[in-house]
């Protein structure tokens, strides 16, 4: 059975952080490991506590227990756990960034400014790579390879989307350069603008089928750092369940989730499934409260700002 707790002295625990290479354990799990439990430990502990003679479940294969443990971690990542991740990437001349392996959905895409702060980039909803770029000959007939239509790697729409352009010209700059011309068409033409499109920072769109983020030509010929904040399913390293963790606040709720799903599939325990479902729901609700991490002192400090008078 895997060890559910690793005991270190204070010196050994902080050795890597302090640069004390002589005392770094070979199997060190990292700072803060004790606040988490690995899925390997969850599976082993569940087998010991719930499966066997005179227990809730008499006989269940361990691979089935491991499946529901991982399935539970996925569901918890979407609904309960703090499963947001953030990665920093340098944007190359291709103006493309690959989505991470454990990507499920994005929270935001940002560019790092000169002072180190993050500036939000908005997606371009009108851009797309959905059109299938079929290759054609000089007579505009489709080209076939092995009786199948030949397809280009990227569509023409991508090339135009990523080509450098003058779209970064501001309204003020355009006005100052043209206000004294007789045929200036800028007057009375600003109504109906969409704020989502009035963005000088550039845009992007996600090609989910290919797992790539495409940035537009505004970012061409620049050395930029991009930050992608996204939601993970928590199973990036599921080849080794000892490296997949869940907060200990959610450990009991995961046991209840696994017990409910395993019991409802077996005739001998199906009658108890509604009870286990209620128990799992209650423990998941308690886990949300535990992980909400509200601090009364911090909330009080925030609310103090609400009493300020706003002068008009």
C-alpha atoms as a PDB file:
ATOM      1  CA  UNK A   1       0.000   0.000   0.000  1.00  0.00           C
ATOM      2  CA  UNK A   2       1.167   3.514  -0.756  1.00  0.00           C
ATOM      3  CA  UNK A   3       2.118   5.714   2.137  1.00  0.00           C
ATOM      4  CA  UNK A   4      -0.565   8.283   2.856  1.00  0.00           C
ATOM      5  CA  UNK A   5       1.777  10.494   4.835  1.00  0.00           C
ATOM      6  CA  UNK A   6       5.492  11.156   4.520  1.00  0.00           C
ATOM      7  CA  UNK A   7       7.252  12.336   7.661  1.00  0.00           C
ATOM      8  CA  UNK A   8      10.080  14.838   7.271  1.00  0.00           C
ATOM      9  CA  UNK A   9      11.921  16.949   9.793  1.00  0.00           C
ATOM     10  CA  UNK A  10      11.712  20.709   9.318  1.00  0.00           C
ATOM     11  CA  UNK A  11      15.250  20.747   7.951  1.00  0.00           C
ATOM     12  CA  UNK A  12      14.581  17.974   5.440  1.00  0.00           C
ATOM     13  CA  UNK A  13      11.212  19.436   4.424  1.00  0.00           C
ATOM     14  CA  UNK A  14      12.725  22.866   3.630  1.00  0.00           C
ATOM     15  CA  UNK A  15      16.021  21.531   2.235  1.00  0.00           C
ATOM     16  CA  UNK A  16      15.196  22.144  -1.428  1.00  0.00           C
ATOM     17  CA  UNK A  17      13.811  25.604  -0.700  1.00  0.00           C
ATOM     18  CA  UNK A  18      16.914  26.511   1.338  1.00  0.00           C
ATOM     19  CA  UNK A  19      19.328  25.054  -1.235  1.00  0.00           C
ATOM     20  CA  UNK A  20      20.492  22.428   1.257  1.00  0.00           C
ATOM     21  CA  UNK A  21      21.201  19.744  -1.368  1.00  0.00           C
ATOM     22  CA  UNK A  22      22.638  17.267   1.133  1.00  0.00           C
ATOM     23  CA  UNK A  23      19.257  16.858   2.878  1.00  0.00           C
ATOM     24  CA  UNK A  24      16.847  16.800  -0.093  1.00  0.00           C
ATOM     25  CA  UNK A  25      14.940  13.461  -0.021  1.00  0.00           C
ATOM     26  CA  UNK A  26      14.963  11.399  -3.202  1.00  0.00           C
ATOM     27  CA  UNK A  27      11.176  10.982  -3.062  1.00  0.00           C
ATOM     28  CA  UNK A  28      10.376  14.528  -1.941  1.00  0.00           C
ATOM     29  CA  UNK A  29       6.830  15.439  -2.988  1.00  0.00           C
ATOM     30  CA  UNK A  30       7.248  19.197  -2.828  1.00  0.00           C
ATOM     31  CA  UNK A  31       6.335  21.992  -0.443  1.00  0.00           C
ATOM     32  CA  UNK A  32       2.760  21.857   0.771  1.00  0.00           C
ATOM     33  CA  UNK A  33       2.318  18.201  -0.172  1.00  0.00           C
ATOM     34  CA  UNK A  34       0.707  17.360   3.167  1.00  0.00           C
ATOM     35  CA  UNK A  35      -2.403  19.399   2.330  1.00  0.00           C
ATOM     36  CA  UNK A  36      -3.119  16.982  -0.547  1.00  0.00           C
ATOM     37  CA  UNK A  37      -3.713  13.249  -0.975  1.00  0.00           C
ATOM     38  CA  UNK A  38      -2.699  11.294  -4.054  1.00  0.00           C
ATOM     39  CA  UNK A  39      -5.244   9.329  -6.064  1.00  0.00           C
ATOM     40  CA  UNK A  40      -3.099   6.234  -5.483  1.00  0.00           C
ATOM     41  CA  UNK A  41      -3.622   6.646  -1.740  1.00  0.00           C
ATOM     42  CA  UNK A  42      -7.339   7.311  -2.287  1.00  0.00           C
ATOM     43  CA  UNK A  43      -7.737   4.046  -4.215  1.00  0.00           C
ATOM     44  CA  UNK A  44      -5.767   2.001  -1.666  1.00  0.00           C
ATOM     45  CA  UNK A  45      -7.570   3.519   1.314  1.00  0.00           C
ATOM     46  CA  UNK A  46     -10.966   2.949  -0.327  1.00  0.00           C
ATOM     47  CA  UNK A  47     -10.168  -0.725  -0.924  1.00  0.00           C
ATOM     48  CA  UNK A  48      -9.175  -1.149   2.731  1.00  0.00           C
ATOM     49  CA  UNK A  49     -12.173   0.722   4.174  1.00  0.00           C
ATOM     50  CA  UNK A  50     -15.067  -0.263   1.902  1.00  0.00           C
ATOM     51  CA  UNK A  51     -14.308  -3.525   0.086  1.00  0.00           C
ATOM     52  CA  UNK A  52     -14.183  -7.004   1.612  1.00  0.00           C
ATOM     53  CA  UNK A  53     -16.151  -9.520   3.631  1.00  0.00           C
ATOM     54  CA  UNK A  54     -18.788  -7.947   5.918  1.00  0.00           C
ATOM     55  CA  UNK A  55     -18.193  -4.530   4.312  1.00  0.00           C
ATOM     56  CA  UNK A  56     -20.322  -2.359   2.052  1.00  0.00           C
ATOM     57  CA  UNK A  57     -18.883  -3.835  -1.145  1.00  0.00           C
ATOM     58  CA  UNK A  58     -17.782  -7.455  -1.094  1.00  0.00           C
ATOM     59  CA  UNK A  59     -15.768  -7.705  -4.287  1.00  0.00           C
ATOM     60  CA  UNK A  60     -14.739  -4.900  -6.655  1.00  0.00           C
ATOM     61  CA  UNK A  61     -11.753  -4.939  -9.062  1.00  0.00           C
ATOM     62  CA  UNK A  62      -9.137  -2.342  -8.188  1.00  0.00           C
ATOM     63  CA  UNK A  63      -9.111  -0.979 -11.743  1.00  0.00           C
ATOM     64  CA  UNK A  64     -12.798  -0.120 -11.366  1.00  0.00           C
ATOM     65  CA  UNK A  65     -12.081   1.719  -8.117  1.00  0.00           C
ATOM     66  CA  UNK A  66      -9.274   3.611  -9.876  1.00  0.00           C
ATOM     67  CA  UNK A  67     -11.643   4.547 -12.727  1.00  0.00           C
ATOM     68  CA  UNK A  68     -14.240   6.106 -10.410  1.00  0.00           C
ATOM     69  CA  UNK A  69     -11.525   7.876  -8.412  1.00  0.00           C
ATOM     70  CA  UNK A  70     -10.247   9.545 -11.586  1.00  0.00           C
ATOM     71  CA  UNK A  71     -13.782  10.222 -12.811  1.00  0.00           C
ATOM     72  CA  UNK A  72     -14.583  11.854  -9.496  1.00  0.00           C
ATOM     73  CA  UNK A  73     -11.475  14.021  -9.695  1.00  0.00           C
ATOM     74  CA  UNK A  74     -12.560  15.231 -13.127  1.00  0.00           C
ATOM     75  CA  UNK A  75     -16.042  16.172 -11.920  1.00  0.00           C
ATOM     76  CA  UNK A  76     -14.643  17.843  -8.811  1.00  0.00           C
ATOM     77  CA  UNK A  77     -12.214  19.844 -10.976  1.00  0.00           C
ATOM     78  CA  UNK A  78     -15.096  21.326 -12.964  1.00  0.00           C
ATOM     79  CA  UNK A  79     -17.351  22.090 -10.033  1.00  0.00           C
ATOM     80  CA  UNK A  80     -15.579  22.084  -6.663  1.00  0.00           C
ATOM     81  CA  UNK A  81     -11.786  22.238  -6.743  1.00  0.00           C
ATOM     82  CA  UNK A  82      -9.572  25.209  -7.517  1.00  0.00           C
ATOM     83  CA  UNK A  83      -8.555  23.628 -10.797  1.00  0.00           C
ATOM     84  CA  UNK A  84      -7.424  26.788 -12.593  1.00  0.00           C
ATOM     85  CA  UNK A  85      -3.925  26.694 -14.054  1.00  0.00           C
ATOM     86  CA  UNK A  86      -1.786  29.419 -15.583  1.00  0.00           C
ATOM     87  CA  UNK A  87       1.101  29.028 -18.027  1.00  0.00           C
ATOM     88  CA  UNK A  88       3.457  31.653 -19.479  1.00  0.00           C
ATOM     89  CA  UNK A  89       4.645  31.317 -23.073  1.00  0.00           C
ATOM     90  CA  UNK A  90       6.741  33.411 -25.440  1.00  0.00           C
ATOM     91  CA  UNK A  91       4.838  34.104 -28.645  1.00  0.00           C
ATOM     92  CA  UNK A  92       6.946  33.116 -31.646  1.00  0.00           C
ATOM     93  CA  UNK A  93       6.837  34.414 -35.246  1.00  0.00           C
ATOM     94  CA  UNK A  94       4.237  31.759 -36.158  1.00  0.00           C
ATOM     95  CA  UNK A  95       1.756  33.601 -33.890  1.00  0.00           C
ATOM     96  CA  UNK A  96       0.465  30.260 -32.616  1.00  0.00           C
ATOM     97  CA  UNK A  97       0.375  28.644 -29.169  1.00  0.00           C
ATOM     98  CA  UNK A  98      -0.494  25.013 -28.471  1.00  0.00           C
ATOM     99  CA  UNK A  99      -3.128  24.277 -25.830  1.00  0.00           C
ATOM    100  CA  UNK A 100      -1.880  22.317 -22.777  1.00  0.00           C
ATOM    101  CA  UNK A 101      -2.478  18.572 -22.549  1.00  0.00           C
ATOM    102  CA  UNK A 102      -4.942  18.889 -19.646  1.00  0.00           C
ATOM    103  CA  UNK A 103      -6.844  21.855 -21.150  1.00  0.00           C
ATOM    104  CA  UNK A 104     -10.633  21.779 -20.766  1.00  0.00           C
ATOM    105  CA  UNK A 105     -11.709  25.427 -21.106  1.00  0.00           C
ATOM    106  CA  UNK A 106     -10.026  28.829 -20.970  1.00  0.00           C
ATOM    107  CA  UNK A 107     -10.487  31.561 -18.377  1.00  0.00           C
ATOM    108  CA  UNK A 108      -8.512  34.264 -20.130  1.00  0.00           C
ATOM    109  CA  UNK A 109      -5.592  35.067 -22.416  1.00  0.00           C
ATOM    110  CA  UNK A 110      -3.286  37.908 -21.399  1.00  0.00           C
ATOM    111  CA  UNK A 111      -0.192  39.710 -22.629  1.00  0.00           C
ATOM    112  CA  UNK A 112       2.489  40.775 -20.142  1.00  0.00           C
ATOM    113  CA  UNK A 113       3.188  44.523 -20.247  1.00  0.00           C
ATOM    114  CA  UNK A 114       6.535  46.210 -19.613  1.00  0.00           C
ATOM    115  CA  UNK A 115       5.748  46.717 -15.926  1.00  0.00           C
ATOM    116  CA  UNK A 116       4.883  43.022 -15.453  1.00  0.00           C
ATOM    117  CA  UNK A 117       1.115  43.386 -15.233  1.00  0.00           C
ATOM    118  CA  UNK A 118      -1.351  41.318 -17.246  1.00  0.00           C
ATOM    119  CA  UNK A 119      -3.505  42.930 -19.936  1.00  0.00           C
ATOM    120  CA  UNK A 120      -6.531  41.008 -21.144  1.00  0.00           C
ATOM    121  CA  UNK A 121      -6.773  40.074 -24.819  1.00  0.00           C
ATOM    122  CA  UNK A 122     -10.281  39.571 -26.191  1.00  0.00           C
ATOM    123  CA  UNK A 123     -11.147  36.731 -28.594  1.00  0.00           C
ATOM    124  CA  UNK A 124     -12.083  37.515 -32.179  1.00  0.00           C
ATOM    125  CA  UNK A 125     -15.487  35.887 -32.621  1.00  0.00           C
ATOM    126  CA  UNK A 126     -15.600  36.490 -36.398  1.00  0.00           C
ATOM    127  CA  UNK A 127     -12.323  34.672 -37.184  1.00  0.00           C
ATOM    128  CA  UNK A 128     -12.359  30.940 -37.840  1.00  0.00           C
ATOM    129  CA  UNK A 129     -10.326  28.037 -39.158  1.00  0.00           C
ATOM    130  CA  UNK A 130     -13.391  25.878 -39.732  1.00  0.00           C
ATOM    131  CA  UNK A 131     -13.298  26.039 -43.534  1.00  0.00           C
ATOM    132  CA  UNK A 132     -11.537  23.026 -45.091  1.00  0.00           C
ATOM    133  CA  UNK A 133      -8.685  24.411 -47.276  1.00  0.00           C
ATOM    134  CA  UNK A 134      -8.844  22.147 -50.356  1.00  0.00           C
ATOM    135  CA  UNK A 135      -5.834  22.289 -52.681  1.00  0.00           C
ATOM    136  CA  UNK A 136      -6.563  23.151 -56.335  1.00  0.00           C
ATOM    137  CA  UNK A 137      -4.622  23.090 -59.569  1.00  0.00           C
ATOM    138  CA  UNK A 138      -4.211  25.967 -62.042  1.00  0.00           C
ATOM    139  CA  UNK A 139      -7.690  25.263 -63.415  1.00  0.00           C
ATOM    140  CA  UNK A 140      -9.200  25.447 -59.923  1.00  0.00           C
ATOM    141  CA  UNK A 141      -9.959  21.739 -59.872  1.00  0.00           C
ATOM    142  CA  UNK A 142      -9.443  19.812 -56.593  1.00  0.00           C
ATOM    143  CA  UNK A 143      -6.182  17.912 -56.276  1.00  0.00           C
ATOM    144  CA  UNK A 144      -6.468  14.265 -55.198  1.00  0.00           C
ATOM    145  CA  UNK A 145      -3.954  12.066 -53.422  1.00  0.00           C
ATOM    146  CA  UNK A 146      -4.778   8.345 -53.085  1.00  0.00           C
ATOM    147  CA  UNK A 147      -8.326   9.108 -54.295  1.00  0.00           C
ATOM    148  CA  UNK A 148      -8.831  11.571 -51.451  1.00  0.00           C
ATOM    149  CA  UNK A 149      -9.019  15.344 -51.718  1.00  0.00           C
ATOM    150  CA  UNK A 150      -5.733  17.035 -50.778  1.00  0.00           C
ATOM    151  CA  UNK A 151      -6.051  19.531 -47.932  1.00  0.00           C
ATOM    152  CA  UNK A 152      -3.687  22.360 -46.960  1.00  0.00           C
ATOM    153  CA  UNK A 153      -2.389  22.647 -43.404  1.00  0.00           C
ATOM    154  CA  UNK A 154      -3.919  26.091 -42.797  1.00  0.00           C
ATOM    155  CA  UNK A 155      -6.720  27.966 -44.514  1.00  0.00           C
ATOM    156  CA  UNK A 156      -6.324  31.256 -46.359  1.00  0.00           C
ATOM    157  CA  UNK A 157      -8.402  32.854 -43.622  1.00  0.00           C
ATOM    158  CA  UNK A 158      -5.621  32.071 -41.125  1.00  0.00           C
ATOM    159  CA  UNK A 159      -3.017  33.714 -43.354  1.00  0.00           C
ATOM    160  CA  UNK A 160      -5.053  36.891 -43.692  1.00  0.00           C
ATOM    161  CA  UNK A 161      -5.891  36.885 -39.979  1.00  0.00           C
ATOM    162  CA  UNK A 162      -2.204  36.682 -39.027  1.00  0.00           C
ATOM    163  CA  UNK A 163      -0.785  39.064 -41.650  1.00  0.00           C
ATOM    164  CA  UNK A 164       0.628  42.334 -40.239  1.00  0.00           C
ATOM    165  CA  UNK A 165      -1.792  45.201 -40.734  1.00  0.00           C
ATOM    166  CA  UNK A 166      -2.471  48.783 -39.706  1.00  0.00           C
ATOM    167  CA  UNK A 167      -5.397  47.781 -37.490  1.00  0.00           C
ATOM    168  CA  UNK A 168      -3.562  49.272 -34.543  1.00  0.00           C
ATOM    169  CA  UNK A 169      -4.276  52.862 -35.605  1.00  0.00           C
ATOM    170  CA  UNK A 170      -6.266  54.580 -32.902  1.00  0.00           C
ATOM    171  CA  UNK A 171      -9.384  56.700 -33.443  1.00  0.00           C
ATOM    172  CA  UNK A 172      -7.529  59.787 -32.176  1.00  0.00           C
ATOM    173  CA  UNK A 173      -4.656  59.254 -34.606  1.00  0.00           C
ATOM    174  CA  UNK A 174      -7.055  58.732 -37.511  1.00  0.00           C
ATOM    175  CA  UNK A 175      -8.988  61.892 -36.615  1.00  0.00           C
ATOM    176  CA  UNK A 176      -5.875  64.067 -36.274  1.00  0.00           C
ATOM    177  CA  UNK A 177      -4.620  62.961 -39.684  1.00  0.00           C
ATOM    178  CA  UNK A 178      -7.886  63.505 -41.545  1.00  0.00           C
ATOM    179  CA  UNK A 179     -10.024  66.107 -39.745  1.00  0.00           C
ATOM    180  CA  UNK A 180      -9.211  68.951 -42.215  1.00  0.00           C
ATOM    181  CA  UNK A 181     -10.111  67.026 -45.372  1.00  0.00           C
ATOM    182  CA  UNK A 182     -13.316  67.994 -47.172  1.00  0.00           C
ATOM    183  CA  UNK A 183     -14.395  64.409 -47.793  1.00  0.00           C
ATOM    184  CA  UNK A 184     -13.615  63.235 -44.251  1.00  0.00           C
ATOM    185  CA  UNK A 185     -16.228  60.552 -43.527  1.00  0.00           C
ATOM    186  CA  UNK A 186     -15.472  60.123 -39.844  1.00  0.00           C
ATOM    187  CA  UNK A 187     -18.059  62.681 -38.653  1.00  0.00           C
ATOM    188  CA  UNK A 188     -21.324  61.205 -37.378  1.00  0.00           C
ATOM    189  CA  UNK A 189     -20.091  57.667 -38.090  1.00  0.00           C
ATOM    190  CA  UNK A 190     -19.157  56.373 -34.649  1.00  0.00           C
ATOM    191  CA  UNK A 191     -22.597  55.102 -33.674  1.00  0.00           C
ATOM    192  CA  UNK A 192     -23.202  51.374 -33.487  1.00  0.00           C
ATOM    193  CA  UNK A 193     -19.633  50.375 -32.571  1.00  0.00           C
ATOM    194  CA  UNK A 194     -19.174  47.095 -30.733  1.00  0.00           C
ATOM    195  CA  UNK A 195     -16.947  47.601 -27.653  1.00  0.00           C
ATOM    196  CA  UNK A 196     -15.648  44.038 -27.971  1.00  0.00           C
ATOM    197  CA  UNK A 197     -14.168  44.962 -31.372  1.00  0.00           C
ATOM    198  CA  UNK A 198     -12.770  48.363 -30.296  1.00  0.00           C
ATOM    199  CA  UNK A 199      -9.552  46.861 -28.972  1.00  0.00           C
ATOM    200  CA  UNK A 200      -6.031  47.934 -29.938  1.00  0.00           C
ATOM    201  CA  UNK A 201      -4.386  45.043 -28.079  1.00  0.00           C
ATOM    202  CA  UNK A 202      -5.092  42.582 -30.883  1.00  0.00           C
ATOM    203  CA  UNK A 203      -7.155  39.433 -30.799  1.00  0.00           C
ATOM    204  CA  UNK A 204      -7.047  35.665 -31.096  1.00  0.00           C
ATOM    205  CA  UNK A 205      -9.254  32.679 -31.674  1.00  0.00           C
ATOM    206  CA  UNK A 206      -9.099  29.082 -30.485  1.00  0.00           C
ATOM    207  CA  UNK A 207      -9.144  26.170 -32.883  1.00  0.00           C
ATOM    208  CA  UNK A 208     -10.294  23.513 -30.416  1.00  0.00           C
ATOM    209  CA  UNK A 209     -10.234  20.670 -32.965  1.00  0.00           C
ATOM    210  CA  UNK A 210      -6.503  21.231 -33.582  1.00  0.00           C
ATOM    211  CA  UNK A 211      -5.629  22.442 -30.086  1.00  0.00           C
ATOM    212  CA  UNK A 212      -4.054  25.747 -31.216  1.00  0.00           C
ATOM    213  CA  UNK A 213      -4.542  29.410 -30.327  1.00  0.00           C
ATOM    214  CA  UNK A 214      -4.050  31.712 -33.338  1.00  0.00           C
ATOM    215  CA  UNK A 215      -3.107  35.364 -32.706  1.00  0.00           C
ATOM    216  CA  UNK A 216      -3.750  38.089 -35.268  1.00  0.00           C
ATOM    217  CA  UNK A 217      -1.249  40.255 -37.146  1.00  0.00           C
ATOM    218  CA  UNK A 218      -1.209  42.922 -34.417  1.00  0.00           C
ATOM    219  CA  UNK A 219       1.272  40.711 -32.537  1.00  0.00           C
ATOM    220  CA  UNK A 220       3.619  40.217 -35.512  1.00  0.00           C
ATOM    221  CA  UNK A 221       7.283  41.253 -35.214  1.00  0.00           C
ATOM    222  CA  UNK A 222       7.084  41.684 -31.451  1.00  0.00           C
ATOM    223  CA  UNK A 223       8.668  39.841 -28.539  1.00  0.00           C
ATOM    224  CA  UNK A 224       5.651  39.172 -26.355  1.00  0.00           C
ATOM    225  CA  UNK A 225       4.930  36.983 -23.352  1.00  0.00           C
ATOM    226  CA  UNK A 226       1.477  35.405 -23.362  1.00  0.00           C
ATOM    227  CA  UNK A 227      -0.275  34.056 -20.267  1.00  0.00           C
ATOM    228  CA  UNK A 228      -2.995  31.442 -20.672  1.00  0.00           C
ATOM    229  CA  UNK A 229      -5.275  30.816 -17.707  1.00  0.00           C
ATOM    230  CA  UNK A 230      -7.349  27.681 -18.149  1.00  0.00           C
ATOM    231  CA  UNK A 231      -9.365  25.013 -16.367  1.00  0.00           C
ATOM    232  CA  UNK A 232      -7.704  21.612 -16.010  1.00  0.00           C
ATOM    233  CA  UNK A 233      -9.319  18.211 -15.536  1.00  0.00           C
ATOM    234  CA  UNK A 234      -6.657  17.393 -12.920  1.00  0.00           C
ATOM    235  CA  UNK A 235      -5.467  14.245 -14.717  1.00  0.00           C
ATOM    236  CA  UNK A 236      -2.444  15.438 -16.674  1.00  0.00           C
ATOM    237  CA  UNK A 237      -0.163  12.873 -14.958  1.00  0.00           C
ATOM    238  CA  UNK A 238      -2.609   9.982 -14.664  1.00  0.00           C
ATOM    239  CA  UNK A 239       0.031   7.553 -15.955  1.00  0.00           C
ATOM    240  CA  UNK A 240       1.224   7.532 -12.334  1.00  0.00           C
ATOM    241  CA  UNK A 241      -1.622   8.037  -9.863  1.00  0.00           C
ATOM    242  CA  UNK A 242       0.860   8.793  -7.083  1.00  0.00           C
ATOM    243  CA  UNK A 243       1.468  12.129  -8.850  1.00  0.00           C
ATOM    244  CA  UNK A 244      -2.209  13.070  -9.154  1.00  0.00           C
ATOM    245  CA  UNK A 245      -3.448  14.943  -6.075  1.00  0.00           C
ATOM    246  CA  UNK A 246      -6.668  16.133  -4.518  1.00  0.00           C
ATOM    247  CA  UNK A 247      -6.988  18.519  -1.533  1.00  0.00           C
ATOM    248  CA  UNK A 248      -7.578  16.711   1.746  1.00  0.00           C
ATOM    249  CA  UNK A 249     -10.643  18.909   2.289  1.00  0.00           C
ATOM    250  CA  UNK A 250     -12.212  16.987  -0.623  1.00  0.00           C
ATOM    251  CA  UNK A 251     -10.965  13.513   0.297  1.00  0.00           C
ATOM    252  CA  UNK A 252     -14.062  12.392   2.203  1.00  0.00           C
ATOM    253  CA  UNK A 253     -16.355  13.706  -0.546  1.00  0.00           C
ATOM    254  CA  UNK A 254     -14.436  11.694  -3.142  1.00  0.00           C
ATOM    255  CA  UNK A 255     -14.855   8.503  -1.081  1.00  0.00           C
ATOM    256  CA  UNK A 256     -18.616   9.176  -0.939  1.00  0.00           C
ATOM    257  CA  UNK A 257     -18.749   9.825  -4.698  1.00  0.00           C
ATOM    258  CA  UNK A 258     -16.909   6.568  -5.428  1.00  0.00           C
ATOM    259  CA  UNK A 259     -19.083   4.571  -3.025  1.00  0.00           C
ATOM    260  CA  UNK A 260     -22.297   5.848  -4.615  1.00  0.00           C
ATOM    261  CA  UNK A 261     -21.218   5.096  -8.182  1.00  0.00           C
ATOM    262  CA  UNK A 262     -19.877   1.648  -7.333  1.00  0.00           C
ATOM    263  CA  UNK A 263     -22.915   0.642  -5.250  1.00  0.00           C
ATOM    264  CA  UNK A 264     -25.546   1.699  -7.801  1.00  0.00           C
ATOM    265  CA  UNK A 265     -24.046  -0.689 -10.377  1.00  0.00           C
ATOM    266  CA  UNK A 266     -24.410  -3.777  -8.155  1.00  0.00           C
ATOM    267  CA  UNK A 267     -27.722  -5.545  -7.431  1.00  0.00           C
ATOM    268  CA  UNK A 268     -26.728  -6.341  -3.834  1.00  0.00           C
ATOM    269  CA  UNK A 269     -26.225  -2.659  -2.923  1.00  0.00           C
ATOM    270  CA  UNK A 270     -28.484  -0.874  -5.449  1.00  0.00           C
ATOM    271  CA  UNK A 271     -31.200  -0.392  -2.798  1.00  0.00           C
ATOM    272  CA  UNK A 272     -28.762   1.690  -0.733  1.00  0.00           C
ATOM    273  CA  UNK A 273     -27.683   3.856  -3.685  1.00  0.00           C
ATOM    274  CA  UNK A 274     -30.211   6.679  -2.950  1.00  0.00           C
ATOM    275  CA  UNK A 275     -28.833   6.965   0.577  1.00  0.00           C
ATOM    276  CA  UNK A 276     -25.242   7.046  -0.678  1.00  0.00           C
ATOM    277  CA  UNK A 277     -26.250   9.649  -3.265  1.00  0.00           C
ATOM    278  CA  UNK A 278     -27.584  11.979  -0.561  1.00  0.00           C
ATOM    279  CA  UNK A 279     -24.460  11.438   1.516  1.00  0.00           C
ATOM    280  CA  UNK A 280     -22.214  12.203  -1.464  1.00  0.00           C
ATOM    281  CA  UNK A 281     -24.205  15.357  -2.269  1.00  0.00           C
ATOM    282  CA  UNK A 282     -23.959  16.604   1.325  1.00  0.00           C
ATOM    283  CA  UNK A 283     -20.219  15.966   1.508  1.00  0.00           C
ATOM    284  CA  UNK A 284     -19.629  17.685  -1.817  1.00  0.00           C
ATOM    285  CA  UNK A 285     -21.536  20.709  -0.527  1.00  0.00           C
ATOM    286  CA  UNK A 286     -19.399  20.744   2.634  1.00  0.00           C
ATOM    287  CA  UNK A 287     -16.270  20.504   0.492  1.00  0.00           C
ATOM    288  CA  UNK A 288     -17.304  23.595  -1.482  1.00  0.00           C
ATOM    289  CA  UNK A 289     -17.678  25.496   1.796  1.00  0.00           C
ATOM    290  CA  UNK A 290     -14.305  24.284   3.056  1.00  0.00           C
ATOM    291  CA  UNK A 291     -12.502  25.232  -0.150  1.00  0.00           C
ATOM    292  CA  UNK A 292     -14.197  28.618  -0.512  1.00  0.00           C
ATOM    293  CA  UNK A 293     -11.437  29.910   1.780  1.00  0.00           C
ATOM    294  CA  UNK A 294     -13.299  32.997   2.975  1.00  0.00           C
ATOM    295  CA  UNK A 295     -11.502  35.001   5.650  1.00  0.00           C
ATOM    296  CA  UNK A 296     -13.632  37.314   7.774  1.00  0.00           C
ATOM    297  CA  UNK A 297     -10.790  39.805   8.284  1.00  0.00           C
ATOM    298  CA  UNK A 298     -10.151  40.080   4.531  1.00  0.00           C
ATOM    299  CA  UNK A 299     -13.853  40.450   3.789  1.00  0.00           C
ATOM    300  CA  UNK A 300     -14.152  43.174   6.431  1.00  0.00           C
ATOM    301  CA  UNK A 301     -11.315  45.113   4.834  1.00  0.00           C
ATOM    302  CA  UNK A 302     -12.988  44.904   1.420  1.00  0.00           C
ATOM    303  CA  UNK A 303     -16.365  46.006   2.763  1.00  0.00           C
ATOM    304  CA  UNK A 304     -14.833  49.070   4.412  1.00  0.00           C
ATOM    305  CA  UNK A 305     -14.420  50.519   0.925  1.00  0.00           C
ATOM    306  CA  UNK A 306     -18.169  50.252   0.321  1.00  0.00           C
ATOM    307  CA  UNK A 307     -18.874  52.984   2.872  1.00  0.00           C
ATOM    308  CA  UNK A 308     -17.003  55.666   0.923  1.00  0.00           C
ATOM    309  CA  UNK A 309     -19.003  58.590  -0.387  1.00  0.00           C
ATOM    310  CA  UNK A 310     -18.974  58.932  -4.168  1.00  0.00           C
ATOM    311  CA  UNK A 311     -19.198  62.544  -5.331  1.00  0.00           C
ATOM    312  CA  UNK A 312     -20.832  63.285  -8.676  1.00  0.00           C
END
